[in-house]
Protein backbone atom coordinates (compact mmCIF):
# COMPACT_ATOMS: atom_id res chain seq x y z
CA MET A 1 18.70 5.93 51.03
CA ASN A 2 20.73 6.31 47.83
CA LYS A 3 20.41 2.58 47.10
CA LYS A 4 16.64 2.78 47.44
CA LEU A 5 16.48 5.82 45.16
CA VAL A 6 18.70 4.19 42.55
CA ALA A 7 16.63 0.99 42.75
CA ALA A 8 13.38 2.96 42.38
CA LEU A 9 14.74 4.89 39.39
CA LEU A 10 15.99 1.69 37.79
CA MET A 11 12.58 0.07 38.27
CA ALA A 12 10.88 3.13 36.77
CA VAL A 13 13.18 3.03 33.73
CA LEU A 14 12.55 -0.70 33.27
CA LEU A 15 8.80 -0.21 33.62
CA ILE A 16 8.84 2.56 31.00
CA ALA A 17 10.94 0.40 28.68
CA VAL A 18 8.51 -2.50 29.04
CA CYS A 19 5.50 -0.25 28.39
CA VAL A 20 7.12 1.33 25.33
CA SER A 21 8.18 -2.01 23.88
CA ALA A 22 4.75 -3.50 24.54
CA SER A 23 3.09 -0.69 22.61
CA ALA A 24 5.72 -0.59 19.85
CA SER A 25 5.04 -1.99 16.43
CA THR A 26 1.32 -2.59 16.79
CA THR A 27 -0.26 -4.15 13.71
CA TYR A 28 -2.66 -1.92 11.78
CA TYR A 29 -4.30 -2.09 8.37
CA VAL A 30 -4.78 0.66 5.83
CA THR A 31 -8.49 1.40 5.33
CA GLY A 32 -8.32 3.76 2.34
CA ASP A 33 -7.06 3.59 -1.23
CA ASN A 34 -3.84 5.32 -2.26
CA VAL A 35 -3.13 6.59 1.28
CA ARG A 36 -0.08 8.83 1.58
CA VAL A 37 2.82 8.07 3.92
CA ARG A 38 4.53 11.37 4.72
CA SER A 39 7.91 12.45 6.04
CA GLY A 40 6.30 14.28 8.97
CA PRO A 41 3.04 14.56 10.94
CA GLY A 42 1.04 16.83 8.64
CA THR A 43 -0.17 17.35 5.10
CA ASP A 44 2.57 19.94 4.48
CA TYR A 45 5.23 17.21 4.63
CA ASP A 46 6.56 15.36 1.57
CA VAL A 47 4.82 12.18 0.40
CA LEU A 48 7.24 9.26 0.65
CA TYR A 49 4.96 6.67 -0.94
CA HIS A 50 1.38 5.41 -1.08
CA LEU A 51 -0.32 2.45 0.57
CA ASN A 52 -3.48 0.70 -0.50
CA ARG A 53 -6.51 -0.69 1.27
CA GLY A 54 -5.69 -3.77 3.33
CA ALA A 55 -1.92 -3.16 3.53
CA LYS A 56 -0.57 -4.49 6.83
CA ILE A 57 1.61 -1.92 8.61
CA TYR A 58 3.33 -1.63 11.96
CA ILE A 59 2.76 1.55 13.97
CA GLU A 60 5.33 2.42 16.64
CA TYR A 61 3.07 5.02 18.29
CA THR A 62 0.39 7.59 17.46
CA THR A 63 0.56 11.31 18.08
CA HIS A 64 -1.86 14.14 17.26
CA GLY A 65 -3.77 12.13 14.65
CA TRP A 66 -0.74 10.52 12.99
CA GLY A 67 0.60 6.99 13.21
CA VAL A 68 4.39 6.72 13.19
CA MET A 69 5.98 3.88 11.23
CA ARG A 70 9.67 3.00 11.31
CA LEU A 71 10.80 2.91 7.67
CA ALA A 72 13.89 1.04 6.59
CA GLY A 73 15.81 0.66 3.36
CA LYS A 74 15.45 3.54 0.92
CA TYR A 75 13.89 5.96 3.43
CA ASN A 76 15.59 5.02 6.72
CA GLN A 77 13.38 7.43 8.65
CA ASP A 78 9.99 7.60 10.31
CA GLY A 79 6.93 7.63 8.09
CA TYR A 80 3.66 9.24 9.14
CA ILE A 81 0.17 8.09 8.18
CA SER A 82 -3.08 9.76 9.19
CA THR A 83 -4.93 7.74 11.81
CA LYS A 84 -8.12 8.40 9.80
CA PHE A 85 -6.89 5.76 7.34
CA ILE A 86 -5.76 2.97 9.67
CA SER A 87 -7.54 0.39 11.80
CA ARG A 88 -6.59 -2.51 14.06
CA THR A 89 -8.97 -4.72 12.07
CA LYS A 90 -8.44 -5.66 8.44
CA PRO A 91 -10.93 -3.89 6.16
CA THR A 92 -13.19 -5.78 3.85
CA SER A 93 -12.55 -5.39 0.16
CA ASN A 94 -14.41 -2.50 -1.40
CA HIS A 95 -14.40 -3.87 -4.90
CA SER A 96 -17.31 -5.76 -6.34
CA SER A 97 -17.35 -8.79 -8.57
CA SER A 98 -19.25 -6.95 -11.27
CA SER A 99 -17.79 -4.33 -13.55
CA SER A 100 -19.04 -1.68 -15.91
CA SER A 101 -16.86 -3.26 -18.59
CA SER A 102 -18.93 -6.44 -18.64
CA SER A 103 -19.88 -8.03 -21.89
CA THR A 104 -23.50 -8.49 -22.92
CA SER A 105 -23.45 -11.98 -21.39
CA GLY A 106 -22.77 -10.40 -17.99
CA THR A 107 -19.24 -11.87 -17.77
CA PRO A 108 -16.57 -9.30 -16.85
CA ASN A 109 -13.88 -8.73 -19.49
CA TYR A 110 -11.14 -10.08 -17.23
CA ASN A 111 -12.57 -13.59 -17.80
CA LYS A 112 -11.67 -13.23 -21.50
CA PHE A 113 -7.98 -12.69 -20.91
CA VAL A 114 -5.40 -14.97 -22.50
CA ALA A 115 -2.29 -16.06 -20.64
CA ALA A 116 0.89 -14.07 -21.25
CA ASN A 117 4.38 -13.99 -19.83
CA TYR A 118 6.49 -10.90 -20.51
CA ASN A 119 8.01 -7.98 -18.65
CA VAL A 120 6.96 -4.34 -18.94
CA ILE A 121 7.76 -0.98 -17.45
CA VAL A 122 5.16 1.56 -16.48
CA ASN A 123 4.94 4.43 -18.97
CA PRO A 124 2.32 6.89 -17.71
CA VAL A 125 0.77 9.63 -19.81
CA ASN A 126 0.82 11.88 -16.74
CA ASN A 127 2.68 11.23 -13.47
CA TYR A 128 1.47 7.79 -12.47
CA VAL A 129 -0.49 4.69 -13.46
CA ASN A 130 -3.25 3.08 -11.42
CA MET A 131 -3.32 -0.69 -10.91
CA ARG A 132 -6.98 -1.58 -10.49
CA TRP A 133 -8.81 -4.47 -8.84
CA GLU A 134 -10.65 -5.24 -12.08
CA ALA A 135 -10.23 -4.41 -15.77
CA SER A 136 -12.32 -1.26 -15.60
CA LYS A 137 -11.55 2.43 -15.18
CA SER A 138 -14.33 2.59 -12.61
CA SER A 139 -12.78 -0.19 -10.52
CA PRO A 140 -11.09 0.97 -7.28
CA VAL A 141 -7.36 1.64 -7.37
CA LYS A 142 -5.27 -1.10 -5.81
CA ARG A 143 -1.78 0.45 -6.18
CA VAL A 144 -0.12 3.39 -7.89
CA TYR A 145 3.03 3.05 -10.01
CA TYR A 146 5.37 5.67 -11.40
CA TYR A 147 7.43 5.70 -14.60
CA GLY A 148 9.90 2.86 -14.87
CA ALA A 149 8.30 0.50 -12.36
CA GLN A 150 8.86 -3.07 -13.54
CA LEU A 151 5.94 -5.48 -13.76
CA LYS A 152 5.19 -8.86 -15.33
CA VAL A 153 2.20 -9.31 -17.63
CA ILE A 154 0.48 -12.60 -16.81
CA ALA A 155 -2.63 -12.18 -18.97
CA GLU A 156 -3.98 -9.71 -21.50
CA ASN A 157 -6.83 -8.78 -23.76
CA GLY A 158 -6.93 -6.03 -26.36
CA THR A 159 -7.18 -3.20 -23.85
CA TRP A 160 -6.04 -4.38 -20.43
CA CYS A 161 -3.11 -6.33 -18.99
CA GLN A 162 -3.29 -8.37 -15.83
CA VAL A 163 0.05 -7.63 -14.20
CA MET A 164 2.02 -8.94 -11.25
CA ASP A 165 4.39 -6.86 -9.16
CA GLU A 166 7.04 -9.44 -8.34
CA THR A 167 8.40 -7.38 -5.44
CA THR A 168 5.06 -7.40 -3.58
CA ASN A 169 3.21 -10.25 -5.33
CA ASP A 170 0.29 -7.89 -5.96
CA VAL A 171 -1.81 -8.71 -9.01
CA GLY A 172 -4.11 -6.24 -10.72
CA PHE A 173 -5.08 -4.64 -14.01
CA ILE A 174 -3.47 -1.77 -15.94
CA LEU A 175 -4.42 -0.34 -19.32
CA LYS A 176 -2.13 -1.87 -21.94
CA SER A 177 -1.45 1.55 -23.52
CA LEU A 178 0.32 2.64 -20.29
CA LEU A 179 2.89 -0.16 -20.39
CA LEU A 180 6.06 -0.65 -22.46
CA ARG A 181 7.19 -4.18 -23.22
CA THR A 182 10.83 -4.86 -22.29
CA ASN A 183 11.19 -8.44 -23.55
C-alpha cells in the first residue's frame, strides 16, 4: 500500500510539474503605450520600467488581473503587468502615416530629414523624454527615456532627430532640443 501511495504522489507531482511548465512563459504582447511594469500586483507598487505597444513579453502566470513576468538582470525579481494591457495576439500599430506636422505638399516632415551619425544622451526638461512614431508631438509615444539614456542620431531636421536605441534596435523621433550631443 505504501508503494502505491508513493507512486500516486509521485505521479501527481509530475503531473503538476508538467502542467506548470506547459503554462509557464506564455507569449503575450503589450497592447497599450507606455505600460507600467510594477514590483507587485497593484498600482501601489513601484514602477520598474515601461513597455510600449507591440512589445513581446513572456508571462509565467496570471493572478487577480496581473500577469507575472520573470525579470532578470538589473531587477532579478518578478514584474507585474496589468492584464488589461496584454494580449496573446500582436496588436496592430496605432500610428498613422499622416502627421499634423506635414508640409503644404502633404509630405510628412520626417521625409525631409538628412542623414546623420552621432551619439547623444537624453536631457529632459522634466523627468522623461518621449520617443514618438513620427516627427510630431501628436504622434503616439513609442518609448520613454530618462536622463542619460544613450541613443544614436541617424537623421535630423531643424527640430527633430530620428534616433536609434542600439540596445533594443528601436527607431523613433525625439525633439532635438531634448538631446545632448556626446561626439
